[in-house]
C-alpha atoms as a PDB file:
ATOM      1  CA  MET A   1       0.000   0.000   0.000  1.00  0.00           C
ATOM      2  CA  LEU A   2       2.845   2.374   0.850  1.00  0.00           C
ATOM      3  CA  GLU A   3       4.538   1.604  -2.453  1.00  0.00           C
ATOM      4  CA  MET A   4       1.403   2.489  -4.429  1.00  0.00           C
ATOM      5  CA  SER A   5       1.059   5.747  -2.477  1.00  0.00           C
ATOM      6  CA  CYS A   6       4.661   6.681  -3.219  1.00  0.00           C
ATOM      7  CA  ASN A   7       4.191   5.701  -6.851  1.00  0.00           C
ATOM      8  CA  SER A   8       1.133   7.932  -7.157  1.00  0.00           C
ATOM      9  CA  VAL A   9       3.101  10.915  -5.798  1.00  0.00           C
ATOM     10  CA  GLU A  10       5.899  10.142  -8.274  1.00  0.00           C
ATOM     11  CA  LEU A  11       3.316   9.873 -11.062  1.00  0.00           C
ATOM     12  CA  VAL A  12       1.937  13.334 -10.294  1.00  0.00           C
ATOM     13  CA  ARG A  13       5.469  14.782 -10.228  1.00  0.00           C
ATOM     14  CA  MET A  14       6.429  13.213 -13.560  1.00  0.00           C
ATOM     15  CA  ARG A  15       3.112  14.274 -15.099  1.00  0.00           C
ATOM     16  CA  GLN A  16       3.890  17.879 -14.198  1.00  0.00           C
ATOM     17  CA  GLU A  17       7.404  17.575 -15.644  1.00  0.00           C
ATOM     18  CA  LEU A  18       6.042  16.051 -18.848  1.00  0.00           C
ATOM     19  CA  MET A  19       3.501  18.837 -19.255  1.00  0.00           C
ATOM     20  CA  MET A  20       6.186  21.490 -18.747  1.00  0.00           C
ATOM     21  CA  CYS A  21       8.517  19.761 -21.183  1.00  0.00           C
ATOM     22  CA  LEU A  22       5.760  19.490 -23.805  1.00  0.00           C
ATOM     23  CA  SER A  23       4.918  23.183 -23.523  1.00  0.00           C
ATOM     24  CA  GLU A  24       8.615  24.116 -23.809  1.00  0.00           C
ATOM     25  CA  CYS A  25       8.967  21.890 -26.879  1.00  0.00           C
ATOM     26  CA  VAL A  26       6.035  23.621 -28.572  1.00  0.00           C
ATOM     27  CA  VAL A  27       7.637  27.037 -28.029  1.00  0.00           C
ATOM     28  CA  LEU A  28      11.044  25.794 -29.175  1.00  0.00           C
ATOM     29  CA  GLN A  29       9.532  24.247 -32.315  1.00  0.00           C
ATOM     30  CA  GLN A  30       7.898  27.574 -33.143  1.00  0.00           C
ATOM     31  CA  VAL A  31      11.210  29.403 -32.701  1.00  0.00           C
ATOM     32  CA  PHE A  32      13.010  26.820 -34.813  1.00  0.00           C
ATOM     33  CA  SER A  33      10.430  27.017 -37.604  1.00  0.00           C
ATOM     34  CA  ARG A  34      10.751  30.834 -37.616  1.00  0.00           C
ATOM     35  CA  GLN A  35      14.523  30.497 -37.885  1.00  0.00           C
ATOM     36  CA  VAL A  36      14.170  28.068 -40.764  1.00  0.00           C
ATOM     37  CA  LYS A  37      11.700  30.381 -42.492  1.00  0.00           C
ATOM     38  CA  SER A  38      13.905  33.453 -42.039  1.00  0.00           C
ATOM     39  CA  CYS A  39      16.873  31.593 -43.537  1.00  0.00           C
ATOM     40  CA  ASN A  40      14.792  30.497 -46.568  1.00  0.00           C
ATOM     41  CA  MET A  41      15.501  26.873 -45.854  1.00  0.00           C
ATOM     42  CA  ALA A  42      13.187  23.955 -46.418  1.00  0.00           C
ATOM     43  CA  SER A  43      11.651  22.332 -43.402  1.00  0.00           C
ATOM     44  CA  LEU A  44      14.234  20.298 -41.539  1.00  0.00           C
ATOM     45  CA  LYS A  45      11.736  18.215 -39.611  1.00  0.00           C
ATOM     46  CA  PRO A  46      12.090  14.567 -40.613  1.00  0.00           C
ATOM     47  CA  ILE A  47       8.924  12.794 -41.590  1.00  0.00           C
ATOM     48  CA  TYR A  48       8.733   9.152 -40.632  1.00  0.00           C
ATOM     49  CA  GLY A  49       6.161   6.956 -42.307  1.00  0.00           C
ATOM     50  CA  GLU A  50       5.543   4.867 -39.229  1.00  0.00           C
ATOM     51  CA  SER A  51       7.199   4.115 -35.942  1.00  0.00           C
ATOM     52  CA  LEU A  52       9.368   1.131 -35.229  1.00  0.00           C
ATOM     53  CA  THR A  53       7.489  -2.044 -34.464  1.00  0.00           C
ATOM     54  CA  PHE A  54       8.666  -4.722 -32.117  1.00  0.00           C
ATOM     55  CA  GLU A  55       7.140  -8.063 -32.947  1.00  0.00           C
ATOM     56  CA  HIS A  56       6.602 -10.637 -30.250  1.00  0.00           C
ATOM     57  CA  GLY A  57       5.031 -14.019 -30.567  1.00  0.00           C
ATOM     58  CA  PHE A  58       3.206 -14.167 -27.261  1.00  0.00           C
ATOM     59  CA  LEU A  59      -0.255 -13.207 -28.514  1.00  0.00           C
ATOM     60  CA  GLU A  60      -2.396 -14.345 -31.355  1.00  0.00           C
ATOM     61  CA  PRO A  61      -3.239 -11.597 -33.892  1.00  0.00           C
ATOM     62  CA  ASP A  62      -6.874 -11.449 -32.774  1.00  0.00           C
ATOM     63  CA  ASP A  63      -6.049 -11.170 -29.030  1.00  0.00           C
ATOM     64  CA  LEU A  64      -6.331  -7.744 -27.399  1.00  0.00           C
ATOM     65  CA  ASN A  65      -3.261  -6.602 -25.509  1.00  0.00           C
ATOM     66  CA  PHE A  66      -4.381  -4.214 -22.759  1.00  0.00           C
ATOM     67  CA  VAL A  67      -0.853  -2.876 -22.286  1.00  0.00           C
ATOM     68  CA  ASP A  68      -0.351  -1.884 -25.936  1.00  0.00           C
ATOM     69  CA  HIS A  69      -3.977  -0.845 -26.533  1.00  0.00           C
ATOM     70  CA  GLY A  70      -4.743   1.161 -23.426  1.00  0.00           C
ATOM     71  CA  PRO A  71      -7.094   4.101 -22.860  1.00  0.00           C
ATOM     72  CA  ALA A  72      -4.771   6.569 -24.617  1.00  0.00           C
ATOM     73  CA  SER A  73      -4.084   4.475 -27.715  1.00  0.00           C
ATOM     74  CA  MET A  74      -6.877   6.292 -29.579  1.00  0.00           C
ATOM     75  CA  LEU A  75      -5.611   9.760 -28.594  1.00  0.00           C
ATOM     76  CA  ASP A  76      -3.305  11.665 -30.916  1.00  0.00           C
ATOM     77  CA  ILE A  77      -0.734  13.207 -28.572  1.00  0.00           C
ATOM     78  CA  GLU A  78       2.300  14.963 -30.062  1.00  0.00           C
ATOM     79  CA  LEU A  79       4.982  13.091 -28.129  1.00  0.00           C
ATOM     80  CA  ALA A  80       8.561  12.462 -29.131  1.00  0.00           C
ATOM     81  CA  ILE A  81       8.225   8.793 -28.150  1.00  0.00           C
ATOM     82  CA  ASN A  82       5.889   8.267 -31.106  1.00  0.00           C
ATOM     83  CA  GLU A  83       8.970   8.189 -33.349  1.00  0.00           C
ATOM     84  CA  LEU A  84      10.210   5.123 -31.519  1.00  0.00           C
ATOM     85  CA  ASP A  85       7.204   3.216 -30.230  1.00  0.00           C
ATOM     86  CA  ASN A  86       3.731   4.729 -30.144  1.00  0.00           C
ATOM     87  CA  THR A  87       2.315   1.856 -28.082  1.00  0.00           C
ATOM     88  CA  LEU A  88       4.447   2.980 -25.138  1.00  0.00           C
ATOM     89  CA  ALA A  89       2.116   5.924 -24.563  1.00  0.00           C
ATOM     90  CA  SER A  90      -1.072   3.877 -24.778  1.00  0.00           C
ATOM     91  CA  ASN A  91      -1.721   4.251 -21.043  1.00  0.00           C
ATOM     92  CA  LEU A  92      -0.911   7.959 -20.863  1.00  0.00           C
ATOM     93  CA  ASN A  93      -4.498   9.087 -20.325  1.00  0.00           C
ATOM     94  CA  PHE A  94      -4.541  10.653 -16.869  1.00  0.00           C
ATOM     95  CA  ARG A  95      -8.342  10.946 -16.878  1.00  0.00           C
ATOM     96  CA  SER A  96      -8.913   7.232 -17.172  1.00  0.00           C
ATOM     97  CA  PRO A  97      -9.009   5.194 -13.938  1.00  0.00           C
ATOM     98  CA  ASP A  98      -7.636   2.134 -15.725  1.00  0.00           C
ATOM     99  CA  ALA A  99      -4.672   4.101 -17.057  1.00  0.00           C
ATOM    100  CA  PHE A 100      -4.016   5.537 -13.604  1.00  0.00           C
ATOM    101  CA  LYS A 101      -4.001   2.023 -12.153  1.00  0.00           C
ATOM    102  CA  MET A 102      -1.504   0.936 -14.800  1.00  0.00           C
ATOM    103  CA  LEU A 103       0.713   3.994 -14.297  1.00  0.00           C
ATOM    104  CA  ILE A 104       1.092   3.670 -10.517  1.00  0.00           C
ATOM    105  CA  THR A 105       2.627   0.224 -10.885  1.00  0.00           C
ATOM    106  CA  ASN A 106       6.389  -0.047 -11.164  1.00  0.00           C
ATOM    107  CA  SER A 107       6.256  -0.934 -14.859  1.00  0.00           C
ATOM    108  CA  GLY A 108       3.900   1.969 -15.557  1.00  0.00           C
ATOM    109  CA  LEU A 109       6.273   4.404 -13.889  1.00  0.00           C
ATOM    110  CA  GLU A 110       9.138   3.037 -15.960  1.00  0.00           C
ATOM    111  CA  GLU A 111       7.129   3.627 -19.127  1.00  0.00           C
ATOM    112  CA  LEU A 112       6.355   7.176 -18.017  1.00  0.00           C
ATOM    113  CA  ARG A 113      10.035   7.781 -17.220  1.00  0.00           C
ATOM    114  CA  THR A 114      10.972   6.571 -20.691  1.00  0.00           C
ATOM    115  CA  ILE A 115       8.403   8.891 -22.283  1.00  0.00           C
ATOM    116  CA  LEU A 116       9.631  11.813 -20.170  1.00  0.00           C
ATOM    117  CA  HIS A 117      13.307  11.180 -20.916  1.00  0.00           C
ATOM    118  CA  TYR A 118      12.687  10.905 -24.642  1.00  0.00           C
ATOM    119  CA  GLN A 119      10.687  14.153 -24.562  1.00  0.00           C
ATOM    120  CA  MET A 120      13.494  15.863 -22.644  1.00  0.00           C
ATOM    121  CA  MET A 121      15.965  14.602 -25.241  1.00  0.00           C
ATOM    122  CA  GLN A 122      13.867  16.214 -27.978  1.00  0.00           C
ATOM    123  CA  LYS A 123      13.742  19.458 -25.997  1.00  0.00           C
ATOM    124  CA  HIS A 124      17.515  19.527 -25.655  1.00  0.00           C
ATOM    125  CA  ALA A 125      17.949  18.719 -29.351  1.00  0.00           C
ATOM    126  CA  LEU A 126      15.706  21.678 -30.184  1.00  0.00           C
ATOM    127  CA  ILE A 127      17.711  23.946 -27.872  1.00  0.00           C
ATOM    128  CA  VAL A 128      20.967  22.911 -29.545  1.00  0.00           C
ATOM    129  CA  SER A 129      19.544  23.372 -33.035  1.00  0.00           C
ATOM    130  CA  ILE A 130      18.208  26.837 -32.186  1.00  0.00           C
ATOM    131  CA  ARG A 131      21.512  27.939 -30.706  1.00  0.00           C
ATOM    132  CA  CYS A 132      23.523  26.607 -33.651  1.00  0.00           C
ATOM    133  CA  ASN A 133      21.324  28.222 -36.321  1.00  0.00           C
END
């Protein structure tokens, strides 16, 4: 019980950090696109057709995987982790009780940490690209 309470506090802290990082990334992307436009350069944002897929043979094709198809799998959230694995953010719906239950477990917190770290990496890449332009 104590572990779940501590995990929920950690979840709220990481949620706040993720929201701040997302808002900073939006501002940095706007600055970067203005720099690109002022230099008369084409858009430098890479366009990926689809994210990487990791195949596993544990489930049949018609089985529903509640980890990969969680409450946020239908939401279109602009996250940096979508370049790597968009199923990682399938439980990132903070309004859903089922997603909250998944996120306060140890594995859910690890997924949220991975999402946060990848978003922070994108933020730092944007900062470097803005400073070097």
